[in-house]
N, C-alpha and C. Protein backbone atom coordinates (compact mmCIF):
# COMPACT_ATOMS: atom_id res chain seq x y z
N UNK A 1 -12.53 31.27 -31.89
CA UNK A 1 -11.86 32.31 -31.66
C UNK A 1 -12.83 33.43 -31.23
N UNK A 2 -12.44 34.17 -30.08
CA UNK A 2 -13.10 35.31 -29.46
C UNK A 2 -13.30 36.39 -30.54
N UNK A 3 -13.88 37.29 -30.19
CA UNK A 3 -14.05 38.36 -31.26
C UNK A 3 -12.54 39.75 -30.71
N UNK A 4 -12.21 39.52 -29.42
CA UNK A 4 -11.06 39.89 -28.64
C UNK A 4 -9.85 39.65 -29.67
N UNK A 5 -10.11 38.06 -29.75
CA UNK A 5 -8.62 37.47 -30.00
C UNK A 5 -8.74 37.62 -31.53
N UNK A 6 -9.62 37.81 -32.55
CA UNK A 6 -9.98 38.31 -33.81
C UNK A 6 -9.03 39.27 -34.16
N UNK A 7 -9.82 40.47 -33.01
CA UNK A 7 -9.20 42.04 -33.59
C UNK A 7 -7.93 42.18 -33.09
N UNK A 8 -7.23 41.44 -32.08
CA UNK A 8 -5.50 41.21 -31.98
C UNK A 8 -4.91 40.83 -33.26
N UNK A 9 -5.80 39.72 -33.70
CA UNK A 9 -4.87 38.75 -34.96
C UNK A 9 -4.87 40.06 -35.93
N UNK A 10 -6.17 40.77 -36.26
CA UNK A 10 -5.98 41.91 -37.35
C UNK A 10 -5.17 43.07 -36.96
N UNK A 11 -5.09 43.25 -35.47
CA UNK A 11 -4.19 44.46 -35.46
C UNK A 11 -2.57 43.85 -35.87
N UNK A 12 -2.21 42.68 -35.05
CA UNK A 12 -0.61 42.42 -35.67
C UNK A 12 -0.54 42.54 -37.04
N UNK A 13 -1.69 41.94 -37.67
CA UNK A 13 -1.40 42.00 -39.44
C UNK A 13 -1.08 43.43 -39.85
N UNK A 14 -2.20 44.54 -38.93
CA UNK A 14 -2.05 45.78 -39.55
C UNK A 14 -0.36 46.42 -39.15
N UNK A 15 0.13 46.11 -37.88
CA UNK A 15 1.10 46.52 -37.54
C UNK A 15 2.23 45.95 -38.40
N UNK A 16 2.16 44.82 -38.88
CA UNK A 16 3.25 44.11 -39.85
C UNK A 16 3.03 44.37 -41.13
N UNK A 17 2.21 45.38 -41.62
CA UNK A 17 1.66 45.44 -43.00
C UNK A 17 2.89 46.50 -43.58
N UNK A 18 3.26 47.80 -42.82
CA UNK A 18 4.51 48.29 -43.43
C UNK A 18 6.05 47.47 -43.72
N UNK A 19 6.04 46.55 -43.16
CA UNK A 19 7.18 45.80 -43.29
C UNK A 19 7.22 44.87 -44.46
N UNK A 20 6.04 44.15 -44.55
CA UNK A 20 5.49 43.50 -45.82
C UNK A 20 5.62 44.01 -47.10
N UNK A 21 5.18 45.62 -46.87
CA UNK A 21 5.15 46.12 -48.35
C UNK A 21 7.07 46.66 -48.60
N UNK A 22 7.50 47.05 -47.48
CA UNK A 22 9.07 47.05 -47.62
C UNK A 22 9.54 46.09 -48.29
N UNK A 23 9.54 44.66 -47.61
CA UNK A 23 10.11 43.68 -47.80
C UNK A 23 9.72 43.16 -49.22
N UNK A 24 8.73 43.56 -49.83
CA UNK A 24 8.15 43.36 -51.37
C UNK A 24 8.86 44.05 -52.45
N UNK A 25 9.53 44.99 -51.39
CA UNK A 25 10.61 46.07 -52.80
C UNK A 25 9.79 46.80 -53.30
N UNK A 26 8.70 47.71 -52.62
CA UNK A 26 8.02 48.76 -53.44
C UNK A 26 8.88 49.75 -53.33
N UNK A 27 9.14 50.76 -54.15
CA UNK A 27 9.43 51.86 -54.42
C UNK A 27 8.90 52.87 -54.26
N UNK A 28 9.21 53.92 -53.88
CA UNK A 28 8.43 55.79 -54.49
C UNK A 28 8.76 55.70 -55.62
N UNK A 29 8.28 56.91 -55.69
CA UNK A 29 8.49 57.73 -57.29
C UNK A 29 9.81 58.06 -57.61
N UNK A 30 10.42 58.18 -56.56
CA UNK A 30 12.22 58.66 -56.64
C UNK A 30 12.80 57.31 -56.47
N UNK A 31 12.39 56.26 -56.39
CA UNK A 31 13.18 54.82 -56.32
C UNK A 31 13.52 54.48 -55.05
N UNK A 32 13.07 55.02 -54.24
CA UNK A 32 13.74 54.96 -52.57
C UNK A 32 12.71 53.68 -52.35
N UNK A 33 12.92 52.90 -51.36
CA UNK A 33 12.36 51.85 -50.70
C UNK A 33 11.11 52.63 -50.03
N UNK A 34 10.17 51.82 -50.49
CA UNK A 34 8.83 52.44 -49.78
C UNK A 34 8.19 51.79 -48.65
N UNK A 35 7.91 52.52 -47.46
CA UNK A 35 7.32 51.74 -45.94
C UNK A 35 6.18 52.62 -45.85
N UNK A 36 5.32 52.17 -45.73
CA UNK A 36 4.05 53.19 -45.14
C UNK A 36 4.09 53.47 -43.73
N UNK A 37 3.97 54.81 -43.65
CA UNK A 37 4.04 55.47 -42.32
C UNK A 37 2.92 55.75 -41.60
N UNK A 38 2.87 55.98 -40.12
CA UNK A 38 1.63 56.49 -39.61
C UNK A 38 1.20 58.03 -40.20
N UNK A 39 2.41 58.66 -40.02
CA UNK A 39 1.74 59.95 -40.42
C UNK A 39 0.91 60.35 -41.84
N UNK A 40 1.26 58.95 -42.39
CA UNK A 40 0.48 59.09 -44.06
C UNK A 40 -0.69 58.22 -44.00
N UNK A 41 -0.66 57.55 -42.97
CA UNK A 41 -1.75 56.18 -43.05
C UNK A 41 -2.34 56.22 -41.62
N UNK A 42 -3.51 56.60 -41.91
CA UNK A 42 -4.29 56.60 -40.53
C UNK A 42 -4.21 55.47 -39.68
N UNK A 43 -4.48 54.26 -40.68
CA UNK A 43 -4.69 53.07 -40.34
C UNK A 43 -3.56 52.57 -39.02
N UNK A 44 -1.91 53.06 -39.15
CA UNK A 44 -1.11 52.74 -38.21
C UNK A 44 -1.24 53.49 -37.39
N UNK A 45 -2.02 54.52 -36.89
CA UNK A 45 -1.76 55.38 -35.84
C UNK A 45 -2.85 54.75 -34.59
N UNK A 46 -3.17 53.60 -34.36
CA UNK A 46 -3.75 52.75 -33.33
C UNK A 46 -3.15 51.29 -33.35
N UNK A 47 -1.96 51.71 -32.99
CA UNK A 47 -0.98 49.97 -32.99
C UNK A 47 -1.24 49.43 -31.50
N UNK A 48 -1.97 50.08 -30.70
CA UNK A 48 -2.28 49.11 -29.73
C UNK A 48 -3.85 49.04 -29.12
N UNK A 49 -4.32 49.46 -30.09
CA UNK A 49 -5.87 49.48 -30.06
C UNK A 49 -6.46 49.02 -30.84
N UNK A 50 -6.70 47.50 -30.86
CA UNK A 50 -7.42 46.82 -32.03
C UNK A 50 -8.64 47.36 -32.71
N UNK A 51 -9.66 47.65 -31.28
CA UNK A 51 -10.83 47.94 -31.88
C UNK A 51 -10.92 49.37 -32.44
N UNK A 52 -10.25 50.01 -32.25
CA UNK A 52 -10.01 51.30 -33.01
C UNK A 52 -9.55 51.34 -34.32
N UNK A 53 -8.53 50.28 -34.89
CA UNK A 53 -8.17 49.90 -35.86
C UNK A 53 -9.22 49.17 -36.65
N UNK A 54 -10.13 48.56 -36.18
CA UNK A 54 -11.23 47.82 -36.68
C UNK A 54 -11.96 48.91 -37.18
N UNK A 55 -12.47 49.71 -36.43
CA UNK A 55 -13.63 50.88 -36.24
C UNK A 55 -13.07 51.75 -37.40
N UNK A 56 -11.84 51.96 -37.53
CA UNK A 56 -11.29 52.96 -38.56
C UNK A 56 -11.33 52.32 -40.12
N UNK A 57 -11.48 50.74 -40.01
CA UNK A 57 -11.29 50.20 -41.30
C UNK A 57 -12.87 50.11 -41.64
N UNK A 58 -14.03 49.96 -40.59
CA UNK A 58 -14.88 50.19 -41.06
C UNK A 58 -15.52 51.57 -41.64
N UNK A 59 -15.19 52.23 -41.05
CA UNK A 59 -15.42 53.80 -41.19
C UNK A 59 -15.00 54.30 -42.69
N UNK A 60 -13.98 53.91 -42.87
CA UNK A 60 -13.06 54.25 -44.17
C UNK A 60 -14.39 53.66 -45.04
N UNK A 61 -14.47 52.40 -45.23
CA UNK A 61 -15.45 51.74 -45.98
C UNK A 61 -16.83 51.89 -46.13
N UNK A 62 -17.04 52.77 -45.09
CA UNK A 62 -18.70 53.01 -44.96
C UNK A 62 -18.99 54.36 -45.98
N UNK A 63 -17.63 55.09 -46.45
CA UNK A 63 -17.61 56.27 -47.28
C UNK A 63 -18.34 55.84 -48.35
N UNK A 64 -19.17 56.27 -49.13
CA UNK A 64 -19.29 55.75 -50.84
C UNK A 64 -18.09 55.86 -52.03
N UNK A 65 -17.51 57.18 -51.35
CA UNK A 65 -16.08 57.22 -52.27
C UNK A 65 -14.96 56.44 -51.78
N UNK A 66 -15.28 55.26 -51.27
CA UNK A 66 -14.19 54.71 -50.66
C UNK A 66 -13.89 53.74 -51.72
N UNK A 67 -14.64 53.31 -52.68
CA UNK A 67 -14.41 52.70 -54.18
C UNK A 67 -13.23 53.27 -54.82
N UNK A 68 -12.92 54.57 -54.67
CA UNK A 68 -12.12 55.20 -55.58
C UNK A 68 -10.38 54.77 -55.27
N UNK A 69 -10.45 54.05 -53.72
CA UNK A 69 -8.94 54.12 -53.57
C UNK A 69 -8.05 55.22 -52.99
N UNK A 70 -7.08 54.98 -52.61
CA UNK A 70 -6.06 55.86 -52.12
C UNK A 70 -4.95 55.94 -52.91
N UNK A 71 -4.09 56.94 -52.51
CA UNK A 71 -2.78 57.40 -53.53
C UNK A 71 -2.05 56.12 -53.41
N UNK A 72 -2.00 55.86 -51.96
CA UNK A 72 -0.84 54.65 -52.07
C UNK A 72 -1.24 53.26 -52.62
N UNK A 73 -2.50 53.50 -53.12
CA UNK A 73 -2.82 51.90 -53.78
C UNK A 73 -2.11 51.60 -55.28
N UNK A 74 -2.17 52.59 -56.20
CA UNK A 74 -1.34 52.48 -57.39
C UNK A 74 0.04 51.92 -57.08
N UNK A 75 0.90 52.64 -56.58
CA UNK A 75 2.38 52.15 -56.27
C UNK A 75 2.56 50.72 -55.84
N UNK A 76 1.69 50.16 -54.54
CA UNK A 76 1.56 49.33 -53.94
C UNK A 76 1.28 48.07 -55.16
N UNK A 77 -0.04 48.31 -55.56
CA UNK A 77 -0.71 47.21 -56.54
C UNK A 77 0.10 46.86 -57.92
N UNK A 78 0.72 48.23 -58.18
CA UNK A 78 1.52 47.82 -59.59
C UNK A 78 2.49 47.08 -59.26
N UNK A 79 3.46 47.29 -57.79
CA UNK A 79 4.54 46.72 -57.90
C UNK A 79 4.49 45.45 -56.97
N UNK A 80 3.51 45.04 -56.48
CA UNK A 80 3.40 43.84 -55.42
C UNK A 80 2.15 43.58 -55.36
N UNK A 81 1.19 44.03 -56.11
CA UNK A 81 -0.25 43.18 -55.88
C UNK A 81 -1.16 43.73 -54.74
N UNK A 82 -2.32 43.84 -54.97
CA UNK A 82 -3.44 43.92 -53.81
C UNK A 82 -3.59 43.66 -53.14
N UNK A 83 -2.73 42.26 -52.50
CA UNK A 83 -2.84 41.50 -51.57
C UNK A 83 -1.67 42.34 -50.49
N UNK A 84 -0.77 43.29 -50.85
CA UNK A 84 -0.24 44.14 -50.18
C UNK A 84 -0.69 45.53 -49.63
N UNK A 85 -2.04 45.54 -49.81
CA UNK A 85 -2.78 46.80 -49.05
C UNK A 85 -3.16 46.42 -47.72
N UNK A 86 -3.20 47.23 -46.94
CA UNK A 86 -3.99 47.08 -46.17
C UNK A 86 -5.44 46.33 -45.93
N UNK A 87 -6.01 46.97 -47.28
CA UNK A 87 -7.33 46.52 -47.24
C UNK A 87 -7.58 45.22 -47.73
N UNK A 88 -6.35 44.33 -48.11
CA UNK A 88 -6.70 42.89 -48.48
C UNK A 88 -6.72 42.41 -47.19
N UNK A 89 -6.59 43.05 -46.09
CA UNK A 89 -6.59 42.14 -44.84
C UNK A 89 -8.03 41.87 -44.73
N UNK A 90 -8.85 42.81 -45.03
CA UNK A 90 -10.31 42.74 -45.39
C UNK A 90 -11.15 41.49 -46.04
N UNK A 91 -10.31 41.46 -47.11
CA UNK A 91 -10.74 40.53 -48.08
C UNK A 91 -10.17 39.24 -48.02
N UNK A 92 -8.97 39.13 -47.47
CA UNK A 92 -8.82 37.48 -47.46
C UNK A 92 -9.96 36.67 -46.33
N UNK A 93 -10.54 35.79 -46.92
CA UNK A 93 -10.99 34.77 -46.20
C UNK A 93 -10.65 33.85 -45.41
N UNK A 94 -8.78 33.80 -45.63
CA UNK A 94 -8.21 32.61 -44.95
C UNK A 94 -7.78 33.40 -43.64
N UNK A 95 -8.04 34.26 -42.92
CA UNK A 95 -7.66 35.23 -42.25
C UNK A 95 -8.32 35.01 -40.76
N UNK A 96 -7.89 34.72 -39.54
CA UNK A 96 -8.49 34.43 -38.54
C UNK A 96 -9.81 35.31 -38.58
N UNK A 97 -9.59 36.48 -38.80
CA UNK A 97 -10.59 37.48 -38.33
C UNK A 97 -11.53 37.77 -39.40
N UNK A 98 -11.37 36.86 -40.67
CA UNK A 98 -12.27 36.88 -41.89
C UNK A 98 -13.79 37.38 -41.26
N UNK A 99 -14.44 36.75 -40.05
CA UNK A 99 -15.57 36.86 -39.84
C UNK A 99 -16.18 37.95 -39.33
N UNK A 100 -14.84 38.97 -39.22
CA UNK A 100 -15.53 40.37 -38.81
C UNK A 100 -15.92 41.25 -39.90
N UNK A 101 -15.53 40.75 -40.70
CA UNK A 101 -15.91 41.34 -42.26
C UNK A 101 -17.11 40.59 -43.41
N UNK A 102 -18.03 41.03 -43.23
CA UNK A 102 -19.13 40.66 -44.20
C UNK A 102 -18.82 40.31 -45.54
N UNK A 103 -19.75 39.60 -46.18
CA UNK A 103 -19.41 39.18 -47.80
C UNK A 103 -19.33 40.51 -48.66
N UNK A 104 -20.68 41.19 -48.32
CA UNK A 104 -20.75 42.30 -49.20
C UNK A 104 -19.75 43.32 -49.05
N UNK A 105 -18.98 43.49 -47.81
CA UNK A 105 -17.90 44.76 -47.73
C UNK A 105 -16.67 43.90 -48.33
N UNK A 106 -16.25 42.67 -48.10
CA UNK A 106 -15.59 42.01 -48.80
C UNK A 106 -15.53 41.87 -50.08
N UNK A 107 -16.22 41.70 -51.19
CA UNK A 107 -16.54 42.01 -52.47
C UNK A 107 -16.46 43.31 -52.91
N UNK A 108 -16.95 44.76 -52.35
CA UNK A 108 -16.91 45.55 -52.58
C UNK A 108 -14.99 46.04 -52.59
N UNK A 109 -14.71 45.92 -51.52
CA UNK A 109 -13.09 46.21 -51.26
C UNK A 109 -12.69 45.21 -52.64
N UNK A 110 -12.78 44.14 -52.63
CA UNK A 110 -11.96 43.47 -53.77
C UNK A 110 -11.82 44.24 -55.03
N UNK A 111 -13.40 44.47 -55.17
CA UNK A 111 -13.67 45.06 -56.65
C UNK A 111 -13.00 46.47 -56.86
N UNK A 112 -12.74 47.23 -55.84
CA UNK A 112 -12.34 48.52 -55.56
C UNK A 112 -10.69 48.16 -55.87
N UNK A 113 -10.39 47.17 -55.36
CA UNK A 113 -8.52 46.91 -55.78
C UNK A 113 -8.24 46.52 -57.09
N UNK A 114 -9.23 45.53 -57.54
CA UNK A 114 -8.90 45.11 -58.85
C UNK A 114 -9.33 46.27 -60.04
N UNK A 115 -10.21 47.70 -59.58
CA UNK A 115 -10.28 48.57 -60.68
C UNK A 115 -9.21 49.28 -60.57
N UNK A 116 -8.14 49.41 -59.70
CA UNK A 116 -7.01 50.27 -59.88
C UNK A 116 -6.25 50.11 -60.94
N UNK A 117 -5.63 51.48 -61.42
CA UNK A 117 -5.29 51.42 -62.75
C UNK A 117 -3.78 50.55 -62.36
N UNK A 118 -3.00 50.18 -61.14
CA UNK A 118 -2.06 49.52 -61.22
C UNK A 118 -2.48 47.79 -61.22
N UNK A 119 -3.38 47.53 -61.37
CA UNK A 119 -3.79 46.06 -61.05
C UNK A 119 -3.69 45.46 -62.90
N UNK A 120 -3.91 45.97 -63.92
CA UNK A 120 -3.57 45.48 -64.87
C UNK A 120 -1.98 45.32 -65.28
N UNK A 121 -1.11 46.23 -64.85
CA UNK A 121 0.18 46.42 -64.77
C UNK A 121 0.55 45.05 -63.93
N UNK A 122 0.04 44.93 -63.16
CA UNK A 122 0.67 43.99 -61.59
C UNK A 122 0.55 42.63 -62.74
N UNK A 123 -0.92 42.12 -63.00
CA UNK A 123 -1.35 41.00 -63.70
C UNK A 123 -0.65 40.76 -64.51
N UNK A 124 0.02 41.59 -65.48
CA UNK A 124 0.82 41.45 -66.62
C UNK A 124 2.17 40.65 -66.26
N UNK A 125 2.78 41.53 -64.94
CA UNK A 125 3.90 41.00 -64.55
C UNK A 125 4.00 39.42 -64.18
N UNK A 126 2.65 39.16 -63.39
CA UNK A 126 2.34 37.76 -63.13
C UNK A 126 2.64 37.11 -63.74
N UNK A 127 1.59 37.25 -65.06
CA UNK A 127 1.58 36.28 -66.35
C UNK A 127 2.47 36.16 -66.69
N UNK A 128 3.60 37.57 -67.24
CA UNK A 128 5.22 37.34 -67.62
C UNK A 128 5.75 36.20 -66.90
N UNK A 129 5.80 36.29 -65.57
CA UNK A 129 6.50 35.39 -64.40
C UNK A 129 6.13 34.00 -64.81
N UNK A 130 4.98 33.55 -64.75
CA UNK A 130 4.11 32.72 -65.11
C UNK A 130 4.70 31.75 -66.16
N UNK A 131 4.71 32.83 -67.62
CA UNK A 131 5.08 32.41 -68.77
C UNK A 131 6.43 31.99 -68.68
N UNK A 132 7.67 32.32 -68.49
CA UNK A 132 8.73 32.29 -68.03
C UNK A 132 8.95 30.86 -67.44
N UNK A 133 8.36 30.62 -66.14
CA UNK A 133 8.22 29.57 -65.48
C UNK A 133 8.11 28.43 -66.35
N UNK A 134 6.91 28.42 -66.93
CA UNK A 134 6.58 27.47 -67.79
C UNK A 134 7.61 27.18 -69.14
N UNK A 135 8.32 28.13 -69.58
CA UNK A 135 9.26 27.85 -70.58
C UNK A 135 10.39 26.93 -70.13
N UNK A 136 10.79 27.38 -68.74
CA UNK A 136 11.75 26.75 -68.21
C UNK A 136 11.29 25.19 -67.92
N UNK A 137 10.12 25.07 -67.37
CA UNK A 137 9.86 23.71 -67.25
C UNK A 137 9.55 22.97 -67.89
N UNK A 138 9.32 23.22 -69.39
CA UNK A 138 8.97 22.62 -70.71
C UNK A 138 10.45 22.24 -71.46
N UNK A 139 11.63 23.32 -70.92
CA UNK A 139 13.04 22.97 -71.31
C UNK A 139 13.53 21.80 -70.60
N UNK A 140 13.15 21.60 -69.32
CA UNK A 140 13.70 20.97 -68.21
C UNK A 140 13.26 19.56 -69.21
N UNK A 141 11.95 19.35 -69.06
CA UNK A 141 11.06 18.20 -69.42
C UNK A 141 12.02 17.90 -70.56
N UNK A 142 11.83 18.71 -71.64
CA UNK A 142 12.48 18.43 -73.00
C UNK A 142 13.94 17.74 -72.84
N UNK A 143 14.64 18.35 -72.23
CA UNK A 143 16.08 17.97 -71.95
C UNK A 143 16.12 16.40 -71.19
N UNK A 144 15.15 16.63 -70.34
CA UNK A 144 15.31 15.03 -69.37
C UNK A 144 14.64 14.08 -70.30
N UNK A 145 13.66 14.14 -71.59
CA UNK A 145 13.70 13.27 -72.46
C UNK A 145 14.25 12.98 -73.56
N UNK A 146 15.20 14.01 -73.61
CA UNK A 146 15.98 13.61 -74.97
C UNK A 146 15.69 14.17 -76.14
N UNK A 147 14.44 15.13 -76.12
CA UNK A 147 13.92 15.68 -77.29
C UNK A 147 14.77 17.22 -77.35
N UNK A 148 15.42 17.90 -76.30
CA UNK A 148 16.57 18.81 -76.50
C UNK A 148 17.45 18.77 -75.92
N UNK A 149 18.75 19.08 -76.68
CA UNK A 149 20.20 18.87 -76.12
C UNK A 149 20.47 19.82 -74.77
N UNK A 150 21.28 19.05 -73.78
CA UNK A 150 21.79 20.41 -73.18
C UNK A 150 22.55 21.17 -73.41
N UNK A 151 22.52 22.23 -72.90
CA UNK A 151 23.33 23.43 -73.34
C UNK A 151 24.84 23.29 -72.99
N UNK A 152 25.72 23.67 -73.98
CA UNK A 152 27.03 23.35 -73.67
C UNK A 152 28.10 24.95 -73.43
N UNK A 153 28.33 24.69 -72.31
CA UNK A 153 28.96 26.10 -71.84
C UNK A 153 30.48 25.73 -72.09
């Protein structure tokens, strides 16, 4: 894949990011559906210029204070996880544009996202869902094996 193709794939994911956040059901402080807007997110201001979007991402993370995160992180991470931040696009090694970001930057971004106050809240939610799913799997298996009676409605 050429650099231009990687940049275009990155731009496509950045452009799709607000829709993914909205589809995940993230809400603002008032309880209304939240979708990132260009007026509040500079990353969205260059939808037709992949190179400018990429340069913006690098410029933001060139700042020594970038590790402190942004105001939108808490809401998104707490409700939907770090993978729904635009910064996660830099972390995800499975993306076709992953070679655009070096390992040191990827590690720095990931560590910063995981330090956000919303991260442990989200992890608790993930664990609770996994625990519920395991309980259901156990009950189903017990019913199939005859160790547990099926509920009578």
